[in-house]
Amino acid sequence: MSTTDTLNPRTIENLAFVLILSASTTAFAEDLSTATDPLPPSTFTTSNHSDDWKIKNALSAGPPWVTNGGATVVEMSMTMNGANHKMVERVIRPGTNGWTCMPDLPGRPQHDPMCADETTMKWLTAVIEGRKPNIDRVGLSYMLIGEARQGQNVPPAKDPSTVKDWYYIGPHVMIVLPDEDMDALKGINEDLSQDGHYITSLNRSKSLLWVIPVARAGERIQTYRPKASPGR
């Protein structure tokens, strides 16, 4: 339409409708509080969220010194490279402190974001892709919202509503070791139904992950500054 065209009443009415619809969409933007609030019963995590939502969700996994210090936020997905899995990262927010935070994995009955250091990210990518991690130092990661798992070395269900038993893990830290140091984890519990720390394997890797809960399932960690004692 050129600048000399005359808008008829019907066109003006249609444009007005579009403007009202756009304003309504903006006004009713996604509620970011759902990024950290517990999921309603019988619902599951999904990737169908805005990037702002995913950033808030991902950063809830780590302590402030990680998340307020410039952590990168990425969304992880997996493709096939021939017969092998290939991890793919989509950077949502660049960072500068060497830490990477990731939003929920889809299909879980509770939020499960994660923040990991560079060593753990190298380990995680290698394990998921079926490679030996070849890390030469300890790796550290956080899941301070907790998570829900189907069990040890159980592939994700295509329909999470069919899973009969979920194992809920409270807020925890995780440690990975170089392969030559795996003997240090001998004798640690492997039963997810028991309270306390345990070791687990992802993708049936021989390189183990040490999971150390710091609160019970369903609990949250709240930071606060205690009041000074009287007389101080």
C-alpha atoms as a PDB file:
ATOM      1  CA  MET A   1       0.000   0.000   0.000  1.00  0.00           C
ATOM      2  CA  SER A   2       1.426   3.427  -0.950  1.00  0.00           C
ATOM      3  CA  THR A   3       1.277   6.551   1.183  1.00  0.00           C
ATOM      4  CA  THR A   4      -1.415   7.972  -1.079  1.00  0.00           C
ATOM      5  CA  ASP A   5      -3.828   5.090  -0.501  1.00  0.00           C
ATOM      6  CA  THR A   6      -6.859   5.794   1.661  1.00  0.00           C
ATOM      7  CA  LEU A   7      -7.563   3.405   4.537  1.00  0.00           C
ATOM      8  CA  ASN A   8     -11.134   2.204   4.479  1.00  0.00           C
ATOM      9  CA  PRO A   9     -13.052   1.664   7.752  1.00  0.00           C
ATOM     10  CA  ARG A  10     -12.671  -2.115   7.557  1.00  0.00           C
ATOM     11  CA  THR A  11      -8.878  -1.835   7.316  1.00  0.00           C
ATOM     12  CA  ILE A  12      -8.796   0.540  10.280  1.00  0.00           C
ATOM     13  CA  GLU A  13     -10.911  -1.913  12.291  1.00  0.00           C
ATOM     14  CA  ASN A  14      -8.535  -4.797  11.475  1.00  0.00           C
ATOM     15  CA  LEU A  15      -5.475  -2.758  12.417  1.00  0.00           C
ATOM     16  CA  ALA A  16      -7.083  -1.781  15.705  1.00  0.00           C
ATOM     17  CA  PHE A  17      -7.742  -5.453  16.473  1.00  0.00           C
ATOM     18  CA  VAL A  18      -4.101  -6.334  15.781  1.00  0.00           C
ATOM     19  CA  LEU A  19      -2.863  -3.529  18.044  1.00  0.00           C
ATOM     20  CA  ILE A  20      -5.189  -4.606  20.866  1.00  0.00           C
ATOM     21  CA  LEU A  21      -4.093  -8.230  20.461  1.00  0.00           C
ATOM     22  CA  SER A  22      -0.402  -7.223  20.570  1.00  0.00           C
ATOM     23  CA  ALA A  23      -0.969  -5.145  23.691  1.00  0.00           C
ATOM     24  CA  SER A  24      -2.785  -8.036  25.366  1.00  0.00           C
ATOM     25  CA  THR A  25       0.050 -10.440  24.537  1.00  0.00           C
ATOM     26  CA  THR A  26       2.563  -8.055  26.101  1.00  0.00           C
ATOM     27  CA  ALA A  27       0.390  -7.453  29.161  1.00  0.00           C
ATOM     28  CA  PHE A  28      -0.027 -11.155  29.806  1.00  0.00           C
ATOM     29  CA  ALA A  29       3.622 -12.164  29.335  1.00  0.00           C
ATOM     30  CA  GLU A  30       4.813 -15.396  30.912  1.00  0.00           C
ATOM     31  CA  ASP A  31       4.750 -15.446  34.703  1.00  0.00           C
ATOM     32  CA  LEU A  32       8.431 -15.772  35.659  1.00  0.00           C
ATOM     33  CA  SER A  33       7.557 -16.921  39.177  1.00  0.00           C
ATOM     34  CA  THR A  34       6.695 -20.333  37.690  1.00  0.00           C
ATOM     35  CA  ALA A  35      10.374 -20.753  36.807  1.00  0.00           C
ATOM     36  CA  THR A  36      11.117 -21.597  40.433  1.00  0.00           C
ATOM     37  CA  ASP A  37       7.763 -22.309  42.087  1.00  0.00           C
ATOM     38  CA  PRO A  38       6.975 -26.012  42.579  1.00  0.00           C
ATOM     39  CA  LEU A  39       5.179 -27.590  39.643  1.00  0.00           C
ATOM     40  CA  PRO A  40       1.443 -28.212  40.013  1.00  0.00           C
ATOM     41  CA  PRO A  41       0.543 -31.892  40.600  1.00  0.00           C
ATOM     42  CA  SER A  42       0.549 -34.163  37.539  1.00  0.00           C
ATOM     43  CA  THR A  43       2.458 -31.675  35.395  1.00  0.00           C
ATOM     44  CA  PHE A  44       5.944 -32.005  33.931  1.00  0.00           C
ATOM     45  CA  THR A  45       8.788 -29.750  32.924  1.00  0.00           C
ATOM     46  CA  THR A  46       8.868 -28.498  29.346  1.00  0.00           C
ATOM     47  CA  SER A  47      11.132 -26.427  27.109  1.00  0.00           C
ATOM     48  CA  ASN A  48       8.169 -24.368  25.890  1.00  0.00           C
ATOM     49  CA  HIS A  49       9.143 -21.200  27.757  1.00  0.00           C
ATOM     50  CA  SER A  50      10.600 -17.796  27.003  1.00  0.00           C
ATOM     51  CA  ASP A  51      14.338 -17.176  27.263  1.00  0.00           C
ATOM     52  CA  ASP A  52      13.753 -14.879  30.258  1.00  0.00           C
ATOM     53  CA  TRP A  53      11.955 -17.734  32.015  1.00  0.00           C
ATOM     54  CA  LYS A  54      14.763 -20.159  31.166  1.00  0.00           C
ATOM     55  CA  ILE A  55      17.399 -17.758  32.507  1.00  0.00           C
ATOM     56  CA  LYS A  56      15.602 -17.381  35.848  1.00  0.00           C
ATOM     57  CA  ASN A  57      15.036 -21.123  36.069  1.00  0.00           C
ATOM     58  CA  ALA A  58      18.650 -21.995  35.191  1.00  0.00           C
ATOM     59  CA  LEU A  59      20.174 -19.516  37.655  1.00  0.00           C
ATOM     60  CA  SER A  60      18.074 -20.923  40.519  1.00  0.00           C
ATOM     61  CA  ALA A  61      20.339 -23.996  40.457  1.00  0.00           C
ATOM     62  CA  GLY A  62      23.468 -22.341  41.823  1.00  0.00           C
ATOM     63  CA  PRO A  63      24.671 -20.226  44.758  1.00  0.00           C
ATOM     64  CA  PRO A  64      24.850 -16.430  44.336  1.00  0.00           C
ATOM     65  CA  TRP A  65      28.631 -16.388  43.891  1.00  0.00           C
ATOM     66  CA  VAL A  66      28.104 -18.475  40.742  1.00  0.00           C
ATOM     67  CA  THR A  67      24.886 -17.007  39.360  1.00  0.00           C
ATOM     68  CA  ASN A  68      25.582 -13.351  40.201  1.00  0.00           C
ATOM     69  CA  GLY A  69      29.137 -13.621  38.944  1.00  0.00           C
ATOM     70  CA  GLY A  70      28.420 -13.898  35.243  1.00  0.00           C
ATOM     71  CA  ALA A  71      27.453 -17.522  34.607  1.00  0.00           C
ATOM     72  CA  THR A  72      26.631 -18.474  31.020  1.00  0.00           C
ATOM     73  CA  VAL A  73      23.085 -19.779  30.480  1.00  0.00           C
ATOM     74  CA  VAL A  74      22.691 -22.435  27.788  1.00  0.00           C
ATOM     75  CA  GLU A  75      19.945 -24.733  26.613  1.00  0.00           C
ATOM     76  CA  MET A  76      21.215 -28.241  25.906  1.00  0.00           C
ATOM     77  CA  SER A  77      19.799 -30.567  23.291  1.00  0.00           C
ATOM     78  CA  MET A  78      20.952 -33.758  21.644  1.00  0.00           C
ATOM     79  CA  THR A  79      21.215 -34.773  17.997  1.00  0.00           C
ATOM     80  CA  MET A  80      22.628 -37.802  16.223  1.00  0.00           C
ATOM     81  CA  ASN A  81      26.040 -37.692  14.562  1.00  0.00           C
ATOM     82  CA  GLY A  82      25.977 -40.916  12.579  1.00  0.00           C
ATOM     83  CA  ALA A  83      25.372 -43.619  15.180  1.00  0.00           C
ATOM     84  CA  ASN A  84      26.507 -41.421  18.078  1.00  0.00           C
ATOM     85  CA  HIS A  85      24.793 -38.794  20.183  1.00  0.00           C
ATOM     86  CA  LYS A  86      25.967 -35.210  19.851  1.00  0.00           C
ATOM     87  CA  MET A  87      25.374 -32.524  22.479  1.00  0.00           C
ATOM     88  CA  VAL A  88      24.309 -29.142  21.121  1.00  0.00           C
ATOM     89  CA  GLU A  89      24.363 -25.885  23.087  1.00  0.00           C
ATOM     90  CA  ARG A  90      22.216 -22.832  22.440  1.00  0.00           C
ATOM     91  CA  VAL A  91      23.625 -19.872  24.343  1.00  0.00           C
ATOM     92  CA  ILE A  92      20.778 -17.882  25.887  1.00  0.00           C
ATOM     93  CA  ARG A  93      22.972 -15.496  27.878  1.00  0.00           C
ATOM     94  CA  PRO A  94      26.758 -15.231  27.516  1.00  0.00           C
ATOM     95  CA  GLY A  95      28.818 -15.261  30.706  1.00  0.00           C
ATOM     96  CA  THR A  96      32.331 -14.563  31.909  1.00  0.00           C
ATOM     97  CA  ASN A  97      33.077 -16.589  35.062  1.00  0.00           C
ATOM     98  CA  GLY A  98      33.545 -20.070  33.580  1.00  0.00           C
ATOM     99  CA  TRP A  99      30.289 -21.474  34.982  1.00  0.00           C
ATOM    100  CA  THR A 100      27.391 -22.753  32.863  1.00  0.00           C
ATOM    101  CA  CYS A 101      23.785 -22.937  34.054  1.00  0.00           C
ATOM    102  CA  MET A 102      21.089 -24.931  32.243  1.00  0.00           C
ATOM    103  CA  PRO A 103      17.282 -24.832  32.592  1.00  0.00           C
ATOM    104  CA  ASP A 104      15.008 -27.799  33.279  1.00  0.00           C
ATOM    105  CA  LEU A 105      15.205 -31.006  31.310  1.00  0.00           C
ATOM    106  CA  PRO A 106      11.767 -31.679  29.782  1.00  0.00           C
ATOM    107  CA  GLY A 107       9.547 -34.442  31.110  1.00  0.00           C
ATOM    108  CA  ARG A 108      10.311 -34.295  34.831  1.00  0.00           C
ATOM    109  CA  PRO A 109       7.770 -33.854  37.660  1.00  0.00           C
ATOM    110  CA  GLN A 110       9.834 -31.114  39.312  1.00  0.00           C
ATOM    111  CA  HIS A 111      12.272 -28.405  38.281  1.00  0.00           C
ATOM    112  CA  ASP A 112      15.842 -29.647  37.810  1.00  0.00           C
ATOM    113  CA  PRO A 113      18.139 -26.826  36.588  1.00  0.00           C
ATOM    114  CA  MET A 114      21.900 -27.255  36.969  1.00  0.00           C
ATOM    115  CA  CYS A 115      25.006 -25.064  37.220  1.00  0.00           C
ATOM    116  CA  ALA A 116      28.371 -26.640  36.392  1.00  0.00           C
ATOM    117  CA  ASP A 117      32.003 -25.593  36.213  1.00  0.00           C
ATOM    118  CA  GLU A 118      34.130 -26.046  33.083  1.00  0.00           C
ATOM    119  CA  THR A 119      35.458 -29.457  34.147  1.00  0.00           C
ATOM    120  CA  THR A 120      31.972 -30.831  34.784  1.00  0.00           C
ATOM    121  CA  MET A 121      30.713 -29.503  31.440  1.00  0.00           C
ATOM    122  CA  LYS A 122      33.578 -31.279  29.687  1.00  0.00           C
ATOM    123  CA  TRP A 123      32.756 -34.443  31.637  1.00  0.00           C
ATOM    124  CA  LEU A 124      29.004 -34.210  30.973  1.00  0.00           C
ATOM    125  CA  THR A 125      29.379 -33.674  27.239  1.00  0.00           C
ATOM    126  CA  ALA A 126      31.780 -36.606  26.898  1.00  0.00           C
ATOM    127  CA  VAL A 127      29.621 -38.976  28.959  1.00  0.00           C
ATOM    128  CA  ILE A 128      26.398 -38.163  27.091  1.00  0.00           C
ATOM    129  CA  GLU A 129      28.211 -38.594  23.767  1.00  0.00           C
ATOM    130  CA  GLY A 130      29.603 -41.955  24.903  1.00  0.00           C
ATOM    131  CA  ARG A 131      33.219 -40.800  25.114  1.00  0.00           C
ATOM    132  CA  LYS A 132      35.794 -41.088  27.904  1.00  0.00           C
ATOM    133  CA  PRO A 133      35.805 -37.755  29.763  1.00  0.00           C
ATOM    134  CA  ASN A 134      39.610 -37.441  30.088  1.00  0.00           C
ATOM    135  CA  ILE A 135      39.357 -34.798  32.795  1.00  0.00           C
ATOM    136  CA  ASP A 136      42.458 -34.136  34.890  1.00  0.00           C
ATOM    137  CA  ARG A 137      40.895 -32.412  37.910  1.00  0.00           C
ATOM    138  CA  VAL A 138      37.848 -32.398  40.190  1.00  0.00           C
ATOM    139  CA  GLY A 139      34.649 -30.959  38.725  1.00  0.00           C
ATOM    140  CA  LEU A 140      31.873 -29.312  40.753  1.00  0.00           C
ATOM    141  CA  SER A 141      28.207 -28.647  39.968  1.00  0.00           C
ATOM    142  CA  TYR A 142      25.019 -27.586  41.757  1.00  0.00           C
ATOM    143  CA  MET A 143      21.347 -28.526  41.592  1.00  0.00           C
ATOM    144  CA  LEU A 144      19.992 -26.428  44.460  1.00  0.00           C
ATOM    145  CA  ILE A 145      16.363 -26.904  43.406  1.00  0.00           C
ATOM    146  CA  GLY A 146      16.823 -30.682  43.468  1.00  0.00           C
ATOM    147  CA  GLU A 147      15.631 -33.135  40.828  1.00  0.00           C
ATOM    148  CA  ALA A 148      13.502 -36.202  40.155  1.00  0.00           C
ATOM    149  CA  ARG A 149      14.970 -39.340  38.584  1.00  0.00           C
ATOM    150  CA  GLN A 150      13.509 -42.591  37.273  1.00  0.00           C
ATOM    151  CA  GLY A 151      16.394 -44.644  38.652  1.00  0.00           C
ATOM    152  CA  GLN A 152      19.961 -45.644  37.892  1.00  0.00           C
ATOM    153  CA  ASN A 153      20.735 -45.812  34.150  1.00  0.00           C
ATOM    154  CA  VAL A 154      17.073 -45.649  33.167  1.00  0.00           C
ATOM    155  CA  PRO A 155      16.488 -43.894  29.807  1.00  0.00           C
ATOM    156  CA  PRO A 156      13.937 -41.048  29.922  1.00  0.00           C
ATOM    157  CA  ALA A 157      10.379 -42.209  29.343  1.00  0.00           C
ATOM    158  CA  LYS A 158       8.733 -40.954  26.155  1.00  0.00           C
ATOM    159  CA  ASP A 159       5.618 -40.295  28.222  1.00  0.00           C
ATOM    160  CA  PRO A 160       6.581 -39.243  31.772  1.00  0.00           C
ATOM    161  CA  SER A 161       3.021 -39.766  32.987  1.00  0.00           C
ATOM    162  CA  THR A 162       3.563 -43.525  32.619  1.00  0.00           C
ATOM    163  CA  VAL A 163       6.447 -43.578  35.128  1.00  0.00           C
ATOM    164  CA  LYS A 164       5.257 -45.311  38.298  1.00  0.00           C
ATOM    165  CA  ASP A 165       8.138 -44.467  40.623  1.00  0.00           C
ATOM    166  CA  TRP A 166      10.089 -41.229  40.681  1.00  0.00           C
ATOM    167  CA  TYR A 167      13.039 -40.762  43.033  1.00  0.00           C
ATOM    168  CA  TYR A 168      13.038 -37.229  44.390  1.00  0.00           C
ATOM    169  CA  ILE A 169      16.445 -35.843  45.334  1.00  0.00           C
ATOM    170  CA  GLY A 170      16.739 -32.716  47.466  1.00  0.00           C
ATOM    171  CA  PRO A 171      19.055 -29.784  46.723  1.00  0.00           C
ATOM    172  CA  HIS A 172      22.551 -31.152  46.153  1.00  0.00           C
ATOM    173  CA  VAL A 173      26.077 -30.619  44.924  1.00  0.00           C
ATOM    174  CA  MET A 174      27.811 -33.030  42.556  1.00  0.00           C
ATOM    175  CA  ILE A 175      31.460 -33.959  42.116  1.00  0.00           C
ATOM    176  CA  VAL A 176      33.246 -35.713  39.263  1.00  0.00           C
ATOM    177  CA  LEU A 177      36.757 -37.141  39.486  1.00  0.00           C
ATOM    178  CA  PRO A 178      39.396 -38.096  36.906  1.00  0.00           C
ATOM    179  CA  ASP A 179      38.941 -41.707  35.756  1.00  0.00           C
ATOM    180  CA  GLU A 180      42.145 -42.834  37.456  1.00  0.00           C
ATOM    181  CA  ASP A 181      40.673 -41.710  40.783  1.00  0.00           C
ATOM    182  CA  MET A 182      37.360 -43.627  40.536  1.00  0.00           C
ATOM    183  CA  ASP A 183      38.528 -46.031  43.260  1.00  0.00           C
ATOM    184  CA  ALA A 184      38.059 -43.198  45.741  1.00  0.00           C
ATOM    185  CA  LEU A 185      34.280 -43.656  45.322  1.00  0.00           C
ATOM    186  CA  LYS A 186      34.252 -47.353  46.217  1.00  0.00           C
ATOM    187  CA  GLY A 187      31.689 -48.369  48.807  1.00  0.00           C
ATOM    188  CA  ILE A 188      29.474 -45.291  48.455  1.00  0.00           C
ATOM    189  CA  ASN A 189      25.740 -45.968  48.348  1.00  0.00           C
ATOM    190  CA  GLU A 190      24.121 -46.456  44.914  1.00  0.00           C
ATOM    191  CA  ASP A 191      20.497 -46.795  46.097  1.00  0.00           C
ATOM    192  CA  LEU A 192      18.437 -43.701  45.211  1.00  0.00           C
ATOM    193  CA  SER A 193      15.709 -44.670  47.688  1.00  0.00           C
ATOM    194  CA  GLN A 194      18.019 -44.069  50.648  1.00  0.00           C
ATOM    195  CA  ASP A 195      18.710 -40.682  52.161  1.00  0.00           C
ATOM    196  CA  GLY A 196      22.226 -39.338  51.939  1.00  0.00           C
ATOM    197  CA  HIS A 197      24.923 -39.147  49.318  1.00  0.00           C
ATOM    198  CA  TYR A 198      25.249 -41.658  46.509  1.00  0.00           C
ATOM    199  CA  ILE A 199      27.139 -42.353  43.305  1.00  0.00           C
ATOM    200  CA  THR A 200      25.477 -42.637  39.934  1.00  0.00           C
ATOM    201  CA  SER A 201      26.305 -43.234  36.294  1.00  0.00           C
ATOM    202  CA  LEU A 202      24.953 -41.364  33.283  1.00  0.00           C
ATOM    203  CA  ASN A 203      24.567 -43.154  29.957  1.00  0.00           C
ATOM    204  CA  ARG A 204      26.112 -46.257  31.564  1.00  0.00           C
ATOM    205  CA  SER A 205      29.479 -44.551  31.729  1.00  0.00           C
ATOM    206  CA  LYS A 206      32.204 -46.003  33.950  1.00  0.00           C
ATOM    207  CA  SER A 207      33.006 -42.442  35.011  1.00  0.00           C
ATOM    208  CA  LEU A 208      30.867 -41.879  38.110  1.00  0.00           C
ATOM    209  CA  LEU A 209      29.103 -38.843  39.543  1.00  0.00           C
ATOM    210  CA  TRP A 210      29.107 -38.277  43.304  1.00  0.00           C
ATOM    211  CA  VAL A 211      25.819 -36.690  44.445  1.00  0.00           C
ATOM    212  CA  ILE A 212      25.777 -35.018  47.876  1.00  0.00           C
ATOM    213  CA  PRO A 213      22.346 -33.751  49.071  1.00  0.00           C
ATOM    214  CA  VAL A 214      22.364 -30.704  51.354  1.00  0.00           C
ATOM    215  CA  ALA A 215      18.607 -30.765  52.088  1.00  0.00           C
ATOM    216  CA  ARG A 216      15.729 -33.221  51.881  1.00  0.00           C
ATOM    217  CA  ALA A 217      13.533 -33.769  48.830  1.00  0.00           C
ATOM    218  CA  GLY A 218      10.964 -30.990  48.477  1.00  0.00           C
ATOM    219  CA  GLU A 219      12.975 -28.566  50.616  1.00  0.00           C
ATOM    220  CA  ARG A 220      14.613 -25.346  49.420  1.00  0.00           C
ATOM    221  CA  ILE A 221      17.705 -23.553  50.636  1.00  0.00           C
ATOM    222  CA  GLN A 222      17.180 -19.951  51.707  1.00  0.00           C
ATOM    223  CA  THR A 223      20.091 -17.555  52.169  1.00  0.00           C
ATOM    224  CA  TYR A 224      19.858 -14.963  54.894  1.00  0.00           C
ATOM    225  CA  ARG A 225      22.119 -12.850  57.075  1.00  0.00           C
ATOM    226  CA  PRO A 226      21.676 -13.757  60.761  1.00  0.00           C
ATOM    227  CA  LYS A 227      21.117 -10.963  63.228  1.00  0.00           C
ATOM    228  CA  ALA A 228      24.058 -10.015  65.386  1.00  0.00           C
ATOM    229  CA  SER A 229      23.974 -11.367  68.941  1.00  0.00           C
ATOM    230  CA  PRO A 230      23.010  -8.861  71.672  1.00  0.00           C
ATOM    231  CA  GLY A 231      26.020  -6.999  72.999  1.00  0.00           C
ATOM    232  CA  ARG A 232      28.010  -7.194  69.764  1.00  0.00           C
END
